[in-house]
Amino acid sequence: PTQKTISSMARMIHISSKENDIILDPFLGSGTTAVAAKQLGRKFIGIEISEKYCEIARGRLRQEVLF
């Protein structure tokens, strides 16, 4: 397990992709990469084996305000 901040993931996504690109996160966890991708107007695919973490990520992505 690793913890990443939304701002650090957003920085990486911003410099390595453009709007409407698809970001793949094969280890979704709580969805930090997906949240950052959504904030930056990227599409994303997240893969996670744990149903618990899928629910956490889904809840975070449902929020209107992500900051």
Protein backbone atom coordinates (compact mmCIF):
# COMPACT_ATOMS: atom_id res chain seq x y z
CA PRO A 1 0.00 0.00 0.00
CA THR A 2 1.14 3.52 -0.80
CA GLN A 3 -0.46 6.84 -0.02
CA LYS A 4 -0.51 9.54 -2.67
CA THR A 5 -2.03 13.00 -2.42
CA ILE A 6 -4.51 14.21 -5.00
CA SER A 7 -2.23 17.15 -5.77
CA SER A 8 0.80 14.93 -6.49
CA MET A 9 -1.25 12.63 -8.73
CA ALA A 10 -2.82 15.63 -10.49
CA ARG A 11 0.64 17.03 -11.18
CA MET A 12 1.80 13.75 -12.74
CA ILE A 13 -1.38 13.38 -14.79
CA HIS A 14 -1.22 17.01 -15.95
CA ILE A 15 2.34 16.76 -17.28
CA SER A 16 1.91 13.32 -18.89
CA SER A 17 -1.50 13.60 -20.59
CA LYS A 18 -4.01 15.97 -22.13
CA GLU A 19 -7.73 16.54 -21.65
CA ASN A 20 -9.93 13.56 -22.66
CA ASP A 21 -7.00 11.11 -22.49
CA ILE A 22 -7.66 7.86 -20.63
CA ILE A 23 -5.74 7.23 -17.41
CA LEU A 24 -5.32 3.60 -16.34
CA ASP A 25 -4.83 2.77 -12.67
CA PRO A 26 -4.49 -1.01 -12.24
CA PHE A 27 -4.31 -0.63 -8.44
CA LEU A 28 -7.22 1.76 -7.75
CA GLY A 29 -7.20 1.66 -3.96
CA SER A 30 -9.29 4.53 -2.59
CA GLY A 31 -9.38 6.23 -5.99
CA THR A 32 -6.92 9.10 -5.62
CA THR A 33 -5.69 8.77 -9.21
CA ALA A 34 -9.28 8.59 -10.49
CA VAL A 35 -10.25 11.71 -8.52
CA ALA A 36 -7.25 13.62 -9.90
CA ALA A 37 -8.05 12.45 -13.43
CA LYS A 38 -11.66 13.57 -13.08
CA GLN A 39 -10.57 16.99 -11.79
CA LEU A 40 -8.34 17.43 -14.83
CA GLY A 41 -10.96 16.36 -17.40
CA ARG A 42 -9.39 12.98 -18.13
CA LYS A 43 -11.26 9.72 -18.49
CA PHE A 44 -10.05 6.87 -16.32
CA ILE A 45 -10.14 3.13 -15.84
CA GLY A 46 -9.52 1.81 -12.35
CA ILE A 47 -8.95 -1.82 -11.41
CA GLU A 48 -9.20 -3.01 -7.83
CA ILE A 49 -9.52 -6.51 -6.37
CA SER A 50 -11.02 -5.36 -3.06
CA GLU A 51 -14.74 -4.61 -3.11
CA LYS A 52 -14.27 -2.45 -0.01
CA TYR A 53 -11.84 -0.14 -1.81
CA CYS A 54 -14.06 -0.05 -4.92
CA GLU A 55 -16.88 1.30 -2.74
CA ILE A 56 -14.59 3.90 -1.17
CA ALA A 57 -13.42 5.08 -4.60
CA ARG A 58 -16.97 5.15 -5.94
CA GLY A 59 -18.05 7.32 -3.01
CA ARG A 60 -15.20 9.76 -3.56
CA LEU A 61 -16.01 10.06 -7.27
CA ARG A 62 -19.69 10.77 -6.56
CA GLN A 63 -18.82 13.94 -4.66
CA GLU A 64 -19.63 17.17 -6.47
CA VAL A 65 -16.67 19.06 -4.97
CA LEU A 66 -13.48 17.03 -5.07
CA PHE A 67 -11.03 19.54 -3.57
